[in-house]
Amino acid sequence: MRACKSCRYITYQNDKVCPKCQQGELTDRFSGMVLILDAERSEVAKYVQLNAPGSYALKLKN
């Protein structure tokens, strides 16, 4: 699993760039993960400021 440094989207493939935002560099150094199924109705999605379904890293490590 790798997370995008720009949008925090988690991908399970060995891509060079983020498949969601097409611009972010990917890293395997992250902690925590949240899965958003319905971003419009999710209180968690609003709290962590996510607006699309998917798996996201909660914190990226340096």
C-alpha atoms as a PDB file:
ATOM      1  CA  MET A   1       0.000   0.000   0.000  1.00  0.00           C
ATOM      2  CA  ARG A   2       1.182   3.484  -0.822  1.00  0.00           C
ATOM      3  CA  ALA A   3      -0.326   6.884  -0.038  1.00  0.00           C
ATOM      4  CA  CYS A   4      -0.296  10.035  -2.138  1.00  0.00           C
ATOM      5  CA  LYS A   5       1.569  12.961  -0.584  1.00  0.00           C
ATOM      6  CA  SER A   6      -0.907  15.430  -2.119  1.00  0.00           C
ATOM      7  CA  CYS A   7      -4.368  13.951  -1.525  1.00  0.00           C
ATOM      8  CA  ARG A   8      -3.551  11.082   0.911  1.00  0.00           C
ATOM      9  CA  TYR A   9      -5.369   8.534  -1.295  1.00  0.00           C
ATOM     10  CA  ILE A  10      -4.115   4.978  -0.702  1.00  0.00           C
ATOM     11  CA  THR A  11      -3.393   2.802  -3.713  1.00  0.00           C
ATOM     12  CA  TYR A  12      -2.642  -0.912  -3.665  1.00  0.00           C
ATOM     13  CA  GLN A  13      -0.635  -0.868  -6.902  1.00  0.00           C
ATOM     14  CA  ASN A  14       2.984   0.080  -7.646  1.00  0.00           C
ATOM     15  CA  ASP A  15       2.191   3.264  -9.555  1.00  0.00           C
ATOM     16  CA  LYS A  16       4.641   6.166  -9.830  1.00  0.00           C
ATOM     17  CA  VAL A  17       1.937   8.851  -9.482  1.00  0.00           C
ATOM     18  CA  CYS A  18      -1.385   8.948  -7.710  1.00  0.00           C
ATOM     19  CA  PRO A  19      -4.211   7.328  -9.732  1.00  0.00           C
ATOM     20  CA  LYS A  20      -6.741   9.712  -8.154  1.00  0.00           C
ATOM     21  CA  CYS A  21      -5.167  13.185  -8.475  1.00  0.00           C
ATOM     22  CA  GLN A  22      -2.573  12.284 -11.164  1.00  0.00           C
ATOM     23  CA  GLN A  23       0.047  14.554  -9.624  1.00  0.00           C
ATOM     24  CA  GLY A  24       1.120  13.424  -6.190  1.00  0.00           C
ATOM     25  CA  GLU A  25       4.207  11.444  -5.341  1.00  0.00           C
ATOM     26  CA  LEU A  26       3.508   8.188  -3.496  1.00  0.00           C
ATOM     27  CA  THR A  27       5.027   7.047  -0.203  1.00  0.00           C
ATOM     28  CA  ASP A  28       4.761   3.914   1.903  1.00  0.00           C
ATOM     29  CA  ARG A  29       5.399   5.900   5.092  1.00  0.00           C
ATOM     30  CA  PHE A  30       2.013   6.713   6.573  1.00  0.00           C
ATOM     31  CA  SER A  31       0.044   5.870   9.695  1.00  0.00           C
ATOM     32  CA  GLY A  32      -3.658   5.291  10.109  1.00  0.00           C
ATOM     33  CA  MET A  33      -6.178   4.641   7.417  1.00  0.00           C
ATOM     34  CA  VAL A  34      -9.818   5.578   6.928  1.00  0.00           C
ATOM     35  CA  LEU A  35     -12.207   4.079   4.405  1.00  0.00           C
ATOM     36  CA  ILE A  36     -14.868   6.473   3.099  1.00  0.00           C
ATOM     37  CA  LEU A  37     -17.902   4.867   1.464  1.00  0.00           C
ATOM     38  CA  ASP A  38     -20.350   7.785   1.229  1.00  0.00           C
ATOM     39  CA  ALA A  39     -18.439  11.055   1.518  1.00  0.00           C
ATOM     40  CA  GLU A  40     -21.520  13.286   1.381  1.00  0.00           C
ATOM     41  CA  ARG A  41     -23.191  11.693   4.410  1.00  0.00           C
ATOM     42  CA  SER A  42     -20.092  10.740   6.421  1.00  0.00           C
ATOM     43  CA  GLU A  43     -19.249  12.807   9.495  1.00  0.00           C
ATOM     44  CA  VAL A  44     -15.738  11.310   9.462  1.00  0.00           C
ATOM     45  CA  ALA A  45     -15.198  12.441   5.857  1.00  0.00           C
ATOM     46  CA  LYS A  46     -16.244  15.966   6.792  1.00  0.00           C
ATOM     47  CA  TYR A  47     -13.950  15.981   9.838  1.00  0.00           C
ATOM     48  CA  VAL A  48     -10.870  14.885   7.850  1.00  0.00           C
ATOM     49  CA  GLN A  49     -11.929  17.028   4.862  1.00  0.00           C
ATOM     50  CA  LEU A  50     -12.425  14.298   2.251  1.00  0.00           C
ATOM     51  CA  ASN A  51     -15.060  14.528  -0.445  1.00  0.00           C
ATOM     52  CA  ALA A  52     -14.706  11.314  -2.457  1.00  0.00           C
ATOM     53  CA  PRO A  53     -15.031   7.615  -1.600  1.00  0.00           C
ATOM     54  CA  GLY A  54     -11.863   5.565  -1.143  1.00  0.00           C
ATOM     55  CA  SER A  55      -9.107   4.645   1.305  1.00  0.00           C
ATOM     56  CA  TYR A  56      -7.068   7.517   2.726  1.00  0.00           C
ATOM     57  CA  ALA A  57      -4.040   7.859   5.021  1.00  0.00           C
ATOM     58  CA  LEU A  58      -4.636   9.830   8.188  1.00  0.00           C
ATOM     59  CA  LYS A  59      -1.032  10.958   8.649  1.00  0.00           C
ATOM     60  CA  LEU A  60       1.956  10.990   6.313  1.00  0.00           C
ATOM     61  CA  LYS A  61       5.394  10.479   7.831  1.00  0.00           C
ATOM     62  CA  ASN A  62       8.573  12.209   6.672  1.00  0.00           C
END
